[in-house]
C-alpha atoms as a PDB file:
ATOM      1  CA  MET A   1      25.625   7.175 -16.824  1.00  0.00           C
ATOM      2  CA  ALA A   2      27.626  10.398 -16.374  1.00  0.00           C
ATOM      3  CA  GLU A   3      30.893  10.331 -14.571  1.00  0.00           C
ATOM      4  CA  SER A   4      29.842  13.425 -13.214  1.00  0.00           C
ATOM      5  CA  THR A   5      27.502  16.436 -13.022  1.00  0.00           C
ATOM      6  CA  ARG A   6      26.833  19.582 -11.819  1.00  0.00           C
ATOM      7  CA  VAL A   7      25.742  19.970  -8.015  1.00  0.00           C
ATOM      8  CA  ASP A   8      22.765  22.436  -9.013  1.00  0.00           C
ATOM      9  CA  ARG A   9      21.762  19.882 -11.468  1.00  0.00           C
ATOM     10  CA  TRP A  10      22.118  16.856  -9.613  1.00  0.00           C
ATOM     11  CA  LEU A  11      20.069  18.270  -6.560  1.00  0.00           C
ATOM     12  CA  TRP A  12      17.112  18.875  -9.032  1.00  0.00           C
ATOM     13  CA  ALA A  13      17.518  15.293 -10.393  1.00  0.00           C
ATOM     14  CA  VAL A  14      17.219  13.291  -7.158  1.00  0.00           C
ATOM     15  CA  ARG A  15      14.208  15.660  -6.097  1.00  0.00           C
ATOM     16  CA  LEU A  16      15.883  17.153  -3.320  1.00  0.00           C
ATOM     17  CA  THR A  17      14.842  20.737  -4.774  1.00  0.00           C
ATOM     18  CA  LYS A  18      11.651  21.441  -6.571  1.00  0.00           C
ATOM     19  CA  THR A  19      13.355  23.157  -9.241  1.00  0.00           C
ATOM     20  CA  ARG A  20      16.659  23.736 -10.630  1.00  0.00           C
ATOM     21  CA  PRO A  21      16.973  27.776  -9.952  1.00  0.00           C
ATOM     22  CA  ASP A  22      16.140  26.708  -6.108  1.00  0.00           C
ATOM     23  CA  ALA A  23      19.199  24.348  -6.273  1.00  0.00           C
ATOM     24  CA  ALA A  24      21.161  27.259  -7.843  1.00  0.00           C
ATOM     25  CA  ALA A  25      20.108  29.624  -5.469  1.00  0.00           C
ATOM     26  CA  ALA A  26      20.956  26.930  -2.751  1.00  0.00           C
ATOM     27  CA  CYS A  27      24.157  27.061  -3.869  1.00  0.00           C
ATOM     28  CA  ARG A  28      24.862  30.847  -4.369  1.00  0.00           C
ATOM     29  CA  GLY A  29      23.909  31.220  -0.869  1.00  0.00           C
ATOM     30  CA  GLY A  30      26.234  29.300   0.814  1.00  0.00           C
ATOM     31  CA  HIS A  31      23.915  26.373   1.918  1.00  0.00           C
ATOM     32  CA  VAL A  32      25.241  23.611  -0.209  1.00  0.00           C
ATOM     33  CA  ARG A  33      28.680  21.552   0.480  1.00  0.00           C
ATOM     34  CA  VAL A  34      30.180  19.071  -1.402  1.00  0.00           C
ATOM     35  CA  ASN A  35      32.828  17.197   0.891  1.00  0.00           C
ATOM     36  CA  GLY A  36      33.118  20.070   3.150  1.00  0.00           C
ATOM     37  CA  GLY A  37      33.678  22.741   1.277  1.00  0.00           C
ATOM     38  CA  VAL A  38      31.350  25.376   0.146  1.00  0.00           C
ATOM     39  CA  ALA A  39      29.721  24.604  -3.372  1.00  0.00           C
ATOM     40  CA  LYS A  40      29.070  26.778  -6.509  1.00  0.00           C
ATOM     41  CA  PRO A  41      26.254  25.588  -8.571  1.00  0.00           C
ATOM     42  CA  SER A  42      28.737  24.447 -11.202  1.00  0.00           C
ATOM     43  CA  THR A  43      30.656  22.416  -8.702  1.00  0.00           C
ATOM     44  CA  PRO A  44      31.073  18.725 -10.208  1.00  0.00           C
ATOM     45  CA  VAL A  45      29.683  15.871  -7.979  1.00  0.00           C
ATOM     46  CA  VAL A  46      30.725  12.146  -8.482  1.00  0.00           C
ATOM     47  CA  THR A  47      30.307   8.884  -6.875  1.00  0.00           C
ATOM     48  CA  GLY A  48      31.031   9.055  -3.087  1.00  0.00           C
ATOM     49  CA  ASP A  49      30.724  12.404  -2.694  1.00  0.00           C
ATOM     50  CA  GLU A  50      28.883  13.806   0.367  1.00  0.00           C
ATOM     51  CA  VAL A  51      26.389  16.515  -0.204  1.00  0.00           C
ATOM     52  CA  ARG A  52      25.175  18.869   2.835  1.00  0.00           C
ATOM     53  CA  ALA A  53      21.981  20.669   1.887  1.00  0.00           C
ATOM     54  CA  ARG A  54      20.535  22.887   4.148  1.00  0.00           C
ATOM     55  CA  LEU A  55      17.021  23.197   2.145  1.00  0.00           C
ATOM     56  CA  GLY A  56      14.253  25.142   3.965  1.00  0.00           C
ATOM     57  CA  ASP A  57      14.658  24.451   7.756  1.00  0.00           C
ATOM     58  CA  HIS A  58      16.227  21.183   7.411  1.00  0.00           C
ATOM     59  CA  THR A  59      20.081  20.124   6.490  1.00  0.00           C
ATOM     60  CA  ARG A  60      20.244  16.953   4.198  1.00  0.00           C
ATOM     61  CA  ILE A  61      23.279  14.756   4.040  1.00  0.00           C
ATOM     62  CA  VAL A  62      23.585  12.652   1.089  1.00  0.00           C
ATOM     63  CA  GLU A  63      26.121  10.336  -0.403  1.00  0.00           C
ATOM     64  CA  VAL A  64      26.056  10.313  -4.005  1.00  0.00           C
ATOM     65  CA  LEU A  65      25.503   6.949  -5.370  1.00  0.00           C
ATOM     66  CA  SER A  66      24.741   7.800  -9.097  1.00  0.00           C
ATOM     67  CA  PRO A  67      25.766  11.553 -10.573  1.00  0.00           C
ATOM     68  CA  ILE A  68      22.698  11.524 -12.798  1.00  0.00           C
ATOM     69  CA  PRO A  69      22.373  14.810 -15.022  1.00  0.00           C
ATOM     70  CA  LYS A  70      18.513  14.418 -16.022  1.00  0.00           C
ATOM     71  CA  ARG A  71      15.473  14.328 -13.500  1.00  0.00           C
ATOM     72  CA  VAL A  72      14.033  10.867 -13.170  1.00  0.00           C
ATOM     73  CA  GLY A  73      11.097   9.433 -11.363  1.00  0.00           C
ATOM     74  CA  ALA A  74      10.735   9.660  -7.652  1.00  0.00           C
ATOM     75  CA  SER A  75      11.707   5.914  -7.046  1.00  0.00           C
ATOM     76  CA  VAL A  76      14.907   5.999  -9.386  1.00  0.00           C
ATOM     77  CA  ALA A  77      15.906   9.237  -7.642  1.00  0.00           C
ATOM     78  CA  VAL A  78      16.119   7.563  -4.210  1.00  0.00           C
ATOM     79  CA  SER A  79      18.426   5.201  -5.379  1.00  0.00           C
ATOM     80  CA  CYS A  80      20.907   7.821  -6.777  1.00  0.00           C
ATOM     81  CA  TYR A  81      21.676   8.763  -3.200  1.00  0.00           C
ATOM     82  CA  ARG A  82      22.058   7.521   0.145  1.00  0.00           C
ATOM     83  CA  ASP A  83      20.416   9.533   3.063  1.00  0.00           C
ATOM     84  CA  ARG A  84      22.775  10.050   5.961  1.00  0.00           C
ATOM     85  CA  THR A  85      21.010  12.762   7.656  1.00  0.00           C
ATOM     86  CA  PRO A  86      20.855  12.100  11.440  1.00  0.00           C
ATOM     87  CA  ALA A  87      17.533  11.390  13.032  1.00  0.00           C
ATOM     88  CA  VAL A  88      15.691  14.284  14.606  1.00  0.00           C
ATOM     89  CA  PRO A  89      15.136  13.449  18.175  1.00  0.00           C
ATOM     90  CA  ARG A  90      11.470  13.566  19.121  1.00  0.00           C
ATOM     91  CA  THR A  91      10.987  16.515  21.564  1.00  0.00           C
ATOM     92  CA  ALA A  92       8.604  16.391  24.443  1.00  0.00           C
ATOM     93  CA  ALA A  93       5.332  18.338  23.790  1.00  0.00           C
ATOM     94  CA  VAL A  94       5.395  21.681  25.028  1.00  0.00           C
ATOM     95  CA  PRO A  95       2.198  22.519  26.809  1.00  0.00           C
ATOM     96  CA  VAL A  96       0.037  25.108  25.555  1.00  0.00           C
ATOM     97  CA  ALA A  97      -2.544  27.602  27.092  1.00  0.00           C
ATOM     98  CA  VAL A  98      -6.032  26.396  26.238  1.00  0.00           C
ATOM     99  CA  ARG A  99      -9.015  28.443  27.370  1.00  0.00           C
ATOM    100  CA  ASP A 100     -12.795  26.737  27.173  1.00  0.00           C
ATOM    101  CA  ARG A 101     -14.711  27.457  24.150  1.00  0.00           C
ATOM    102  CA  GLY A 102     -17.150  30.200  24.922  1.00  0.00           C
ATOM    103  CA  ALA A 103     -15.218  31.326  27.643  1.00  0.00           C
ATOM    104  CA  GLY A 104     -15.050  34.733  26.364  1.00  0.00           C
ATOM    105  CA  ARG A 105     -12.207  37.283  26.050  1.00  0.00           C
ATOM    106  CA  PRO A 106      -9.181  37.125  28.440  1.00  0.00           C
ATOM    107  CA  THR A 107      -9.120  38.901  31.320  1.00  0.00           C
ATOM    108  CA  LYS A 108      -6.131  41.592  32.196  1.00  0.00           C
ATOM    109  CA  ARG A 109      -5.482  39.016  35.047  1.00  0.00           C
ATOM    110  CA  ASP A 110      -5.439  35.970  32.402  1.00  0.00           C
ATOM    111  CA  ARG A 111      -3.226  37.970  30.268  1.00  0.00           C
ATOM    112  CA  ARG A 112      -0.474  39.190  32.834  1.00  0.00           C
ATOM    113  CA  ALA A 113      -0.647  35.012  33.919  1.00  0.00           C
ATOM    114  CA  LEU A 114       0.096  33.978  30.519  1.00  0.00           C
ATOM    115  CA  GLU A 115       3.181  36.633  29.979  1.00  0.00           C
ATOM    116  CA  LYS A 116       4.489  35.467  32.925  1.00  0.00           C
ATOM    117  CA  TRP A 117       4.280  31.787  31.813  1.00  0.00           C
ATOM    118  CA  LEU A 118       5.685  32.564  28.604  1.00  0.00           C
ATOM    119  CA  ALA A 119       8.343  34.722  30.253  1.00  0.00           C
ATOM    120  CA  SER A 120       9.470  31.573  32.131  1.00  0.00           C
ATOM    121  CA  GLY A 121      10.629  29.729  29.448  1.00  0.00           C
ATOM    122  CA  ARG A 122       7.952  27.023  28.868  1.00  0.00           C
END
């Protein structure tokens, strides 16, 4: 095993990103932090480092257990990091305005009621 590896290569190797260019782009965009500091794609990661990566609309917080340089199978990749991402609290379901099927097009009155409901912040 390697003692350290590039953060973009590691993110790709442990399957947090689909491609290595995606990982490098996330680093260049400032979406990846290693031990609290903004990481360039070439930033080395070693065992024990904390990597925060905002990928899509989720932020993953992981601890490096093994800095592997090559992509491995999914079952091996999961053993190379410890996921410390806090659980997302479940929110109550937001009620949705529902019209009966076949009820036709909403009237002006229905539209105004819907706009009033949406403006109330629900």
